[in-house]
Amino acid sequence: MGLFEGKKGLILGVANDHSIAWAIAQQVMAGGGLCGFSHLPDRPDDERQRNRRRVAMLTDTAPNAKFLVPLDVSNDEQIAAVMDTAGKEFGKIDFLLHAIAFASLEDLKRDTIETSRKGFLMAMEISAYSLIAVANSARGILNDRAAIATMTYFGGEKAVPGYNVMGICKAALDASVKYLAYDLGPRGIRVNALSAGPIRTLAGRGAGVEDMLELYEKMAPLGRNVSHDEVGRTGAFLLSDMSEGVTGEILHVDCGYNIMGSPGRLLDALKK
């Protein structure tokens, strides 16, 4: 039997086949789990429905992908509609992956001190508050001892130039994980965050991932970058019963980069 045999849940935030959320979902479904998916809503004037189509190209060929619905996490009615769909399809759910974040490119390219008020509020609502909103809305369909996981990044713990306002959002997300873990703990529901090293994703490109890849390779103790599959397996672990004693944690999957207090072997490369 697979690790997720008999388990059902939600995967929120797949954008395309490079998304970390899709890498995690693939591991879950390979282990027997049934998944409901969300996609970013398309504009009414987009006849091609490109956001939906990009995700549907993945889920349509996956037998364990049971539905695909639009979700704008700034809209409480849409969040409730997703939970209603999940409740009708699955009854109760055993896992929920939150892989949603956004900041305008205009604000990301600015120094943090120049972040616009409107941009800050939008980025914080979508990237941090949405976890609280989704978890709260899901309470009625979450099984006791269910698992919630979200995607964070080291830029919420330390200043990472270029990550800018999103780093502040991730710091808020990290704190939310701890408080939600406390609130949901009496039901045995676990809430954790996965902090991946730089990976080529749609969101990663906007955050300057290309500049980070070489740095991580030179500084990380393992001397390389992480892969989609590695992050996918770790995300699946957090959503599975294998991690049932873990909650309120930020689990780093970055080849050890986060432990470094100096440039390490990068210094040797600089001397050449």
C-alpha atoms as a PDB file:
ATOM      1  CA  MET A   1       0.000   0.000   0.000  1.00  0.00           C
ATOM      2  CA  GLY A   2       1.153   3.527  -0.772  1.00  0.00           C
ATOM      3  CA  LEU A   3       1.881   6.172   1.833  1.00  0.00           C
ATOM      4  CA  PHE A   4      -1.292   8.064   0.894  1.00  0.00           C
ATOM      5  CA  GLU A   5      -3.600   5.114   0.232  1.00  0.00           C
ATOM      6  CA  GLY A   6      -7.094   6.113   1.354  1.00  0.00           C
ATOM      7  CA  LYS A   7      -6.035   9.761   1.881  1.00  0.00           C
ATOM      8  CA  LYS A   8      -7.717  12.751   0.233  1.00  0.00           C
ATOM      9  CA  GLY A   9      -6.782  16.400   0.156  1.00  0.00           C
ATOM     10  CA  LEU A  10      -6.297  19.746  -1.532  1.00  0.00           C
ATOM     11  CA  ILE A  11      -3.354  21.090  -3.519  1.00  0.00           C
ATOM     12  CA  LEU A  12      -3.651  24.862  -3.777  1.00  0.00           C
ATOM     13  CA  GLY A  13      -1.277  26.844  -5.955  1.00  0.00           C
ATOM     14  CA  VAL A  14      -0.106  24.783  -8.933  1.00  0.00           C
ATOM     15  CA  ALA A  15       0.739  27.171 -11.774  1.00  0.00           C
ATOM     16  CA  ASN A  16       2.438  24.840 -14.259  1.00  0.00           C
ATOM     17  CA  ASP A  17       4.584  21.718 -14.498  1.00  0.00           C
ATOM     18  CA  HIS A  18       7.547  23.493 -12.876  1.00  0.00           C
ATOM     19  CA  SER A  19       5.596  24.357  -9.713  1.00  0.00           C
ATOM     20  CA  ILE A  20       6.855  22.872  -6.465  1.00  0.00           C
ATOM     21  CA  ALA A  21       3.202  22.214  -5.604  1.00  0.00           C
ATOM     22  CA  TRP A  22       2.959  19.935  -8.635  1.00  0.00           C
ATOM     23  CA  ALA A  23       6.135  18.074  -7.620  1.00  0.00           C
ATOM     24  CA  ILE A  24       4.569  17.456  -4.205  1.00  0.00           C
ATOM     25  CA  ALA A  25       1.214  16.493  -5.710  1.00  0.00           C
ATOM     26  CA  GLN A  26       2.877  13.940  -7.970  1.00  0.00           C
ATOM     27  CA  GLN A  27       4.446  12.247  -4.956  1.00  0.00           C
ATOM     28  CA  VAL A  28       1.132  12.264  -3.096  1.00  0.00           C
ATOM     29  CA  MET A  29      -0.785  10.795  -6.021  1.00  0.00           C
ATOM     30  CA  ALA A  30       1.922   8.209  -6.690  1.00  0.00           C
ATOM     31  CA  GLY A  31       1.401   7.111  -3.084  1.00  0.00           C
ATOM     32  CA  GLY A  32      -2.306   6.588  -3.687  1.00  0.00           C
ATOM     33  CA  GLY A  33      -3.645   9.963  -2.534  1.00  0.00           C
ATOM     34  CA  LEU A  34      -6.642  11.626  -4.183  1.00  0.00           C
ATOM     35  CA  CYS A  35      -6.202  15.338  -4.831  1.00  0.00           C
ATOM     36  CA  GLY A  36      -8.380  18.314  -5.627  1.00  0.00           C
ATOM     37  CA  PHE A  37      -6.585  21.204  -7.326  1.00  0.00           C
ATOM     38  CA  SER A  38      -7.046  24.940  -7.650  1.00  0.00           C
ATOM     39  CA  HIS A  39      -5.849  27.317 -10.341  1.00  0.00           C
ATOM     40  CA  LEU A  40      -5.501  31.071 -10.530  1.00  0.00           C
ATOM     41  CA  PRO A  41      -8.731  32.490 -12.008  1.00  0.00           C
ATOM     42  CA  ASP A  42      -8.575  33.645 -15.601  1.00  0.00           C
ATOM     43  CA  ARG A  43      -9.611  37.097 -16.708  1.00  0.00           C
ATOM     44  CA  PRO A  44     -13.122  37.201 -18.177  1.00  0.00           C
ATOM     45  CA  ASP A  45     -11.691  38.424 -21.479  1.00  0.00           C
ATOM     46  CA  ASP A  46      -9.189  35.562 -21.725  1.00  0.00           C
ATOM     47  CA  GLU A  47     -10.977  33.228 -24.104  1.00  0.00           C
ATOM     48  CA  ARG A  48      -8.118  30.749 -23.995  1.00  0.00           C
ATOM     49  CA  GLN A  49      -8.417  30.372 -20.204  1.00  0.00           C
ATOM     50  CA  ARG A  50      -4.660  30.072 -19.995  1.00  0.00           C
ATOM     51  CA  ASN A  51      -4.328  29.723 -16.218  1.00  0.00           C
ATOM     52  CA  ARG A  52      -6.787  26.865 -16.100  1.00  0.00           C
ATOM     53  CA  ARG A  53      -5.394  25.262 -19.227  1.00  0.00           C
ATOM     54  CA  ARG A  54      -1.828  25.141 -17.877  1.00  0.00           C
ATOM     55  CA  VAL A  55      -2.949  23.202 -14.810  1.00  0.00           C
ATOM     56  CA  ALA A  56      -5.561  21.119 -16.637  1.00  0.00           C
ATOM     57  CA  MET A  57      -2.822  19.824 -18.962  1.00  0.00           C
ATOM     58  CA  LEU A  58      -1.345  18.191 -15.860  1.00  0.00           C
ATOM     59  CA  THR A  59      -4.424  17.094 -13.941  1.00  0.00           C
ATOM     60  CA  ASP A  60      -6.398  15.783 -16.929  1.00  0.00           C
ATOM     61  CA  THR A  61      -3.907  12.938 -17.343  1.00  0.00           C
ATOM     62  CA  ALA A  62      -3.657  12.132 -13.615  1.00  0.00           C
ATOM     63  CA  PRO A  63      -6.289   9.576 -12.517  1.00  0.00           C
ATOM     64  CA  ASN A  64      -5.984  10.638  -8.871  1.00  0.00           C
ATOM     65  CA  ALA A  65      -6.672  14.309  -9.671  1.00  0.00           C
ATOM     66  CA  LYS A  66     -10.388  14.566  -8.961  1.00  0.00           C
ATOM     67  CA  PHE A  67     -11.263  18.196  -9.666  1.00  0.00           C
ATOM     68  CA  LEU A  68      -9.823  21.542 -10.714  1.00  0.00           C
ATOM     69  CA  VAL A  69     -11.448  24.794  -9.591  1.00  0.00           C
ATOM     70  CA  PRO A  70     -10.519  28.493  -9.657  1.00  0.00           C
ATOM     71  CA  LEU A  71      -9.317  30.141  -6.465  1.00  0.00           C
ATOM     72  CA  ASP A  72      -8.623  33.783  -5.695  1.00  0.00           C
ATOM     73  CA  VAL A  73      -7.490  33.728  -2.068  1.00  0.00           C
ATOM     74  CA  SER A  74      -8.384  37.400  -1.630  1.00  0.00           C
ATOM     75  CA  ASN A  75     -12.027  36.377  -2.055  1.00  0.00           C
ATOM     76  CA  ASP A  76     -13.587  34.572   0.923  1.00  0.00           C
ATOM     77  CA  GLU A  77     -16.495  33.340  -1.179  1.00  0.00           C
ATOM     78  CA  GLN A  78     -14.124  31.587  -3.573  1.00  0.00           C
ATOM     79  CA  ILE A  79     -12.245  29.996  -0.685  1.00  0.00           C
ATOM     80  CA  ALA A  80     -15.536  28.729   0.728  1.00  0.00           C
ATOM     81  CA  ALA A  81     -16.540  27.421  -2.704  1.00  0.00           C
ATOM     82  CA  VAL A  82     -13.337  25.375  -2.952  1.00  0.00           C
ATOM     83  CA  MET A  83     -13.965  23.846   0.470  1.00  0.00           C
ATOM     84  CA  ASP A  84     -17.554  23.125  -0.505  1.00  0.00           C
ATOM     85  CA  THR A  85     -16.364  21.324  -3.640  1.00  0.00           C
ATOM     86  CA  ALA A  86     -13.852  19.324  -1.600  1.00  0.00           C
ATOM     87  CA  GLY A  87     -16.519  18.424   0.922  1.00  0.00           C
ATOM     88  CA  LYS A  88     -18.872  17.179  -1.765  1.00  0.00           C
ATOM     89  CA  GLU A  89     -16.144  15.205  -3.539  1.00  0.00           C
ATOM     90  CA  PHE A  90     -14.251  13.809  -0.560  1.00  0.00           C
ATOM     91  CA  GLY A  91     -16.383  14.306   2.537  1.00  0.00           C
ATOM     92  CA  LYS A  92     -13.383  14.948   4.794  1.00  0.00           C
ATOM     93  CA  ILE A  93      -9.785  15.665   3.799  1.00  0.00           C
ATOM     94  CA  ASP A  94      -6.491  14.480   5.279  1.00  0.00           C
ATOM     95  CA  PHE A  95      -4.060  17.025   3.873  1.00  0.00           C
ATOM     96  CA  LEU A  96      -3.932  20.553   2.497  1.00  0.00           C
ATOM     97  CA  LEU A  97      -1.018  22.125   0.639  1.00  0.00           C
ATOM     98  CA  HIS A  98      -0.904  25.926   0.473  1.00  0.00           C
ATOM     99  CA  ALA A  99       1.556  27.044  -2.196  1.00  0.00           C
ATOM    100  CA  ILE A 100       0.330  30.555  -2.926  1.00  0.00           C
ATOM    101  CA  ALA A 101       2.276  33.814  -2.907  1.00  0.00           C
ATOM    102  CA  PHE A 102       2.305  36.976  -4.974  1.00  0.00           C
ATOM    103  CA  ALA A 103       3.846  40.442  -5.077  1.00  0.00           C
ATOM    104  CA  SER A 104       3.796  42.807  -7.999  1.00  0.00           C
ATOM    105  CA  LEU A 105       6.934  42.731 -10.117  1.00  0.00           C
ATOM    106  CA  GLU A 106       7.104  46.494  -9.753  1.00  0.00           C
ATOM    107  CA  ASP A 107       7.423  46.198  -5.978  1.00  0.00           C
ATOM    108  CA  LEU A 108       9.790  43.231  -6.124  1.00  0.00           C
ATOM    109  CA  LYS A 109      12.192  45.233  -8.286  1.00  0.00           C
ATOM    110  CA  ARG A 110      12.233  48.124  -5.850  1.00  0.00           C
ATOM    111  CA  ASP A 111      14.352  48.347  -2.737  1.00  0.00           C
ATOM    112  CA  THR A 112      12.223  47.174   0.176  1.00  0.00           C
ATOM    113  CA  ILE A 113      12.138  50.682   1.646  1.00  0.00           C
ATOM    114  CA  GLU A 114      10.340  51.885  -1.497  1.00  0.00           C
ATOM    115  CA  THR A 115       7.560  49.277  -1.392  1.00  0.00           C
ATOM    116  CA  SER A 116       4.202  50.863  -2.123  1.00  0.00           C
ATOM    117  CA  ARG A 117       1.485  50.736   0.516  1.00  0.00           C
ATOM    118  CA  LYS A 118      -0.967  49.146  -1.917  1.00  0.00           C
ATOM    119  CA  GLY A 119       1.623  46.601  -3.059  1.00  0.00           C
ATOM    120  CA  PHE A 120       2.581  45.702   0.503  1.00  0.00           C
ATOM    121  CA  LEU A 121      -1.015  45.087   1.554  1.00  0.00           C
ATOM    122  CA  MET A 122      -1.729  42.967  -1.513  1.00  0.00           C
ATOM    123  CA  ALA A 123       1.451  40.892  -1.130  1.00  0.00           C
ATOM    124  CA  MET A 124       0.813  40.309   2.570  1.00  0.00           C
ATOM    125  CA  GLU A 125      -2.836  39.352   2.008  1.00  0.00           C
ATOM    126  CA  ILE A 126      -2.114  36.856  -0.743  1.00  0.00           C
ATOM    127  CA  SER A 127       1.177  35.463   0.536  1.00  0.00           C
ATOM    128  CA  ALA A 128       0.571  35.284   4.302  1.00  0.00           C
ATOM    129  CA  TYR A 129      -3.014  35.937   5.359  1.00  0.00           C
ATOM    130  CA  SER A 130      -4.292  33.478   2.765  1.00  0.00           C
ATOM    131  CA  LEU A 131      -2.908  30.564   4.812  1.00  0.00           C
ATOM    132  CA  ILE A 132      -4.974  31.673   7.791  1.00  0.00           C
ATOM    133  CA  ALA A 133      -8.066  32.184   5.631  1.00  0.00           C
ATOM    134  CA  VAL A 134      -7.725  28.809   3.922  1.00  0.00           C
ATOM    135  CA  ALA A 135      -7.035  26.921   7.160  1.00  0.00           C
ATOM    136  CA  ASN A 136     -10.001  28.550   8.867  1.00  0.00           C
ATOM    137  CA  SER A 137     -12.345  27.757   5.986  1.00  0.00           C
ATOM    138  CA  ALA A 138     -11.101  24.158   5.839  1.00  0.00           C
ATOM    139  CA  ARG A 139     -11.670  23.401   9.527  1.00  0.00           C
ATOM    140  CA  GLY A 140     -15.062  21.837   8.903  1.00  0.00           C
ATOM    141  CA  ILE A 141     -13.739  19.305   6.383  1.00  0.00           C
ATOM    142  CA  LEU A 142     -10.327  18.565   7.890  1.00  0.00           C
ATOM    143  CA  ASN A 143     -10.082  15.201   9.579  1.00  0.00           C
ATOM    144  CA  ASP A 144      -8.562  15.104  13.038  1.00  0.00           C
ATOM    145  CA  ARG A 145      -4.810  14.411  12.691  1.00  0.00           C
ATOM    146  CA  ALA A 146      -4.804  15.965   9.208  1.00  0.00           C
ATOM    147  CA  ALA A 147      -1.755  17.855   7.891  1.00  0.00           C
ATOM    148  CA  ILE A 148      -1.386  21.353   6.471  1.00  0.00           C
ATOM    149  CA  ALA A 149       1.820  22.465   4.749  1.00  0.00           C
ATOM    150  CA  THR A 150       2.832  25.731   3.148  1.00  0.00           C
ATOM    151  CA  MET A 151       5.786  26.923   1.089  1.00  0.00           C
ATOM    152  CA  THR A 152       8.178  29.453   2.582  1.00  0.00           C
ATOM    153  CA  TYR A 153      11.735  30.648   1.882  1.00  0.00           C
ATOM    154  CA  PHE A 154      14.898  31.573   3.794  1.00  0.00           C
ATOM    155  CA  GLY A 155      14.291  35.234   2.881  1.00  0.00           C
ATOM    156  CA  GLY A 156      11.749  35.318   5.700  1.00  0.00           C
ATOM    157  CA  GLU A 157      14.448  34.471   8.232  1.00  0.00           C
ATOM    158  CA  LYS A 158      17.394  36.481   6.907  1.00  0.00           C
ATOM    159  CA  ALA A 159      17.688  39.471   4.602  1.00  0.00           C
ATOM    160  CA  VAL A 160      18.065  38.259   1.012  1.00  0.00           C
ATOM    161  CA  PRO A 161      18.622  41.270  -1.267  1.00  0.00           C
ATOM    162  CA  GLY A 162      16.312  41.043  -4.238  1.00  0.00           C
ATOM    163  CA  TYR A 163      13.653  39.069  -2.354  1.00  0.00           C
ATOM    164  CA  ASN A 164      12.582  42.346  -0.763  1.00  0.00           C
ATOM    165  CA  VAL A 165       8.922  42.684   0.256  1.00  0.00           C
ATOM    166  CA  MET A 166       8.310  38.968  -0.244  1.00  0.00           C
ATOM    167  CA  GLY A 167      10.785  38.276   2.563  1.00  0.00           C
ATOM    168  CA  ILE A 168       8.587  40.254   4.933  1.00  0.00           C
ATOM    169  CA  CYS A 169       5.577  38.274   3.745  1.00  0.00           C
ATOM    170  CA  LYS A 170       7.381  34.978   4.327  1.00  0.00           C
ATOM    171  CA  ALA A 171       8.324  36.089   7.846  1.00  0.00           C
ATOM    172  CA  ALA A 172       4.630  36.674   8.521  1.00  0.00           C
ATOM    173  CA  LEU A 173       3.811  33.308   6.945  1.00  0.00           C
ATOM    174  CA  ASP A 174       6.372  31.562   9.157  1.00  0.00           C
ATOM    175  CA  ALA A 175       4.833  33.111  12.274  1.00  0.00           C
ATOM    176  CA  SER A 176       1.347  32.163  11.071  1.00  0.00           C
ATOM    177  CA  VAL A 177       2.454  28.531  10.807  1.00  0.00           C
ATOM    178  CA  LYS A 178       3.379  28.492  14.493  1.00  0.00           C
ATOM    179  CA  TYR A 179       0.166  30.124  15.696  1.00  0.00           C
ATOM    180  CA  LEU A 180      -2.020  27.912  13.500  1.00  0.00           C
ATOM    181  CA  ALA A 181      -0.144  24.857  14.759  1.00  0.00           C
ATOM    182  CA  TYR A 182      -1.096  25.899  18.273  1.00  0.00           C
ATOM    183  CA  ASP A 183      -4.742  26.608  17.408  1.00  0.00           C
ATOM    184  CA  LEU A 184      -5.264  23.321  15.575  1.00  0.00           C
ATOM    185  CA  GLY A 185      -3.090  21.189  17.835  1.00  0.00           C
ATOM    186  CA  PRO A 186      -5.924  19.944  20.083  1.00  0.00           C
ATOM    187  CA  ARG A 187      -7.396  18.141  17.069  1.00  0.00           C
ATOM    188  CA  GLY A 188      -4.042  16.627  16.162  1.00  0.00           C
ATOM    189  CA  ILE A 189      -3.903  18.764  12.997  1.00  0.00           C
ATOM    190  CA  ARG A 190      -0.330  19.670  12.123  1.00  0.00           C
ATOM    191  CA  VAL A 191       0.828  22.837  10.351  1.00  0.00           C
ATOM    192  CA  ASN A 192       4.326  23.069   8.907  1.00  0.00           C
ATOM    193  CA  ALA A 193       6.297  25.001   6.309  1.00  0.00           C
ATOM    194  CA  LEU A 194       8.751  23.751   3.724  1.00  0.00           C
ATOM    195  CA  SER A 195      11.613  26.123   2.929  1.00  0.00           C
ATOM    196  CA  ALA A 196      13.131  25.120  -0.397  1.00  0.00           C
ATOM    197  CA  GLY A 197      16.366  26.335  -1.871  1.00  0.00           C
ATOM    198  CA  PRO A 198      16.228  28.147  -5.208  1.00  0.00           C
ATOM    199  CA  ILE A 199      14.371  26.235  -7.932  1.00  0.00           C
ATOM    200  CA  ARG A 200      13.412  27.329 -11.408  1.00  0.00           C
ATOM    201  CA  THR A 201       9.701  28.025 -11.039  1.00  0.00           C
ATOM    202  CA  LEU A 202       7.426  30.811 -12.258  1.00  0.00           C
ATOM    203  CA  ALA A 203       7.583  32.486  -8.844  1.00  0.00           C
ATOM    204  CA  GLY A 204      11.311  31.821  -8.538  1.00  0.00           C
ATOM    205  CA  ARG A 205      12.124  33.648 -11.749  1.00  0.00           C
ATOM    206  CA  GLY A 206      10.294  36.715 -10.458  1.00  0.00           C
ATOM    207  CA  ALA A 207      12.339  36.581  -7.253  1.00  0.00           C
ATOM    208  CA  GLY A 208      15.710  36.355  -9.046  1.00  0.00           C
ATOM    209  CA  VAL A 209      16.341  32.631  -8.677  1.00  0.00           C
ATOM    210  CA  GLU A 210      18.967  32.544 -11.421  1.00  0.00           C
ATOM    211  CA  ASP A 211      21.274  34.759  -9.371  1.00  0.00           C
ATOM    212  CA  MET A 212      20.859  32.509  -6.335  1.00  0.00           C
ATOM    213  CA  LEU A 213      21.605  29.157  -7.950  1.00  0.00           C
ATOM    214  CA  GLU A 214      25.362  29.603  -8.304  1.00  0.00           C
ATOM    215  CA  LEU A 215      25.664  31.097  -4.811  1.00  0.00           C
ATOM    216  CA  TYR A 216      23.848  28.162  -3.204  1.00  0.00           C
ATOM    217  CA  GLU A 217      25.922  25.656  -5.156  1.00  0.00           C
ATOM    218  CA  LYS A 218      29.141  27.214  -3.910  1.00  0.00           C
ATOM    219  CA  MET A 219      28.043  27.720  -0.280  1.00  0.00           C
ATOM    220  CA  ALA A 220      25.793  24.772   0.558  1.00  0.00           C
ATOM    221  CA  PRO A 221      27.513  21.928   2.441  1.00  0.00           C
ATOM    222  CA  LEU A 222      26.339  19.437  -0.193  1.00  0.00           C
ATOM    223  CA  GLY A 223      27.848  21.594  -2.937  1.00  0.00           C
ATOM    224  CA  ARG A 224      24.773  21.590  -5.160  1.00  0.00           C
ATOM    225  CA  ASN A 225      21.211  22.787  -5.532  1.00  0.00           C
ATOM    226  CA  VAL A 226      18.066  20.845  -4.706  1.00  0.00           C
ATOM    227  CA  SER A 227      15.835  19.244  -7.317  1.00  0.00           C
ATOM    228  CA  HIS A 228      12.084  19.349  -7.829  1.00  0.00           C
ATOM    229  CA  ASP A 229      11.880  15.676  -6.882  1.00  0.00           C
ATOM    230  CA  GLU A 230      13.713  16.202  -3.591  1.00  0.00           C
ATOM    231  CA  VAL A 231      11.427  19.035  -2.583  1.00  0.00           C
ATOM    232  CA  GLY A 232       8.423  17.029  -3.776  1.00  0.00           C
ATOM    233  CA  ARG A 233       9.313  14.079  -1.583  1.00  0.00           C
ATOM    234  CA  THR A 234       9.868  16.285   1.466  1.00  0.00           C
ATOM    235  CA  GLY A 235       6.572  18.077   0.915  1.00  0.00           C
ATOM    236  CA  ALA A 236       4.804  14.736   0.674  1.00  0.00           C
ATOM    237  CA  PHE A 237       6.489  13.686   3.930  1.00  0.00           C
ATOM    238  CA  LEU A 238       5.028  16.726   5.703  1.00  0.00           C
ATOM    239  CA  LEU A 239       1.554  15.894   4.395  1.00  0.00           C
ATOM    240  CA  SER A 240       1.811  12.219   5.365  1.00  0.00           C
ATOM    241  CA  ASP A 241       1.434  10.284   8.598  1.00  0.00           C
ATOM    242  CA  MET A 242       5.217   9.865   8.588  1.00  0.00           C
ATOM    243  CA  SER A 243       5.487  13.372  10.072  1.00  0.00           C
ATOM    244  CA  GLU A 244       2.684  13.033  12.605  1.00  0.00           C
ATOM    245  CA  GLY A 245       4.920  14.188  15.482  1.00  0.00           C
ATOM    246  CA  VAL A 246       6.036  17.356  13.689  1.00  0.00           C
ATOM    247  CA  THR A 247       4.166  20.656  13.823  1.00  0.00           C
ATOM    248  CA  GLY A 248       4.971  24.370  13.773  1.00  0.00           C
ATOM    249  CA  GLU A 249       8.268  23.663  12.022  1.00  0.00           C
ATOM    250  CA  ILE A 250      10.119  25.203   9.084  1.00  0.00           C
ATOM    251  CA  LEU A 251      11.814  22.322   7.301  1.00  0.00           C
ATOM    252  CA  HIS A 252      14.695  23.473   5.088  1.00  0.00           C
ATOM    253  CA  VAL A 253      15.373  21.581   1.883  1.00  0.00           C
ATOM    254  CA  ASP A 254      18.329  23.559   0.570  1.00  0.00           C
ATOM    255  CA  CYS A 255      21.325  21.207   0.699  1.00  0.00           C
ATOM    256  CA  GLY A 256      22.240  22.791   4.026  1.00  0.00           C
ATOM    257  CA  TYR A 257      22.667  26.377   2.827  1.00  0.00           C
ATOM    258  CA  ASN A 258      20.693  27.744   5.802  1.00  0.00           C
ATOM    259  CA  ILE A 259      23.178  26.405   8.379  1.00  0.00           C
ATOM    260  CA  MET A 260      26.124  28.361   7.040  1.00  0.00           C
ATOM    261  CA  GLY A 261      27.518  31.234   9.098  1.00  0.00           C
ATOM    262  CA  SER A 262      30.242  32.081   6.582  1.00  0.00           C
ATOM    263  CA  PRO A 263      30.680  31.738   2.812  1.00  0.00           C
ATOM    264  CA  GLY A 264      32.447  28.417   3.413  1.00  0.00           C
ATOM    265  CA  ARG A 265      33.924  26.865   0.274  1.00  0.00           C
ATOM    266  CA  LEU A 266      32.837  29.894  -1.744  1.00  0.00           C
ATOM    267  CA  LEU A 267      35.922  31.605  -0.317  1.00  0.00           C
ATOM    268  CA  ASP A 268      38.129  29.026  -2.005  1.00  0.00           C
ATOM    269  CA  ALA A 269      36.418  29.699  -5.316  1.00  0.00           C
ATOM    270  CA  LEU A 270      36.919  33.447  -4.910  1.00  0.00           C
ATOM    271  CA  LYS A 271      40.668  32.971  -4.311  1.00  0.00           C
ATOM    272  CA  LYS A 272      41.170  31.261  -7.652  1.00  0.00           C
END
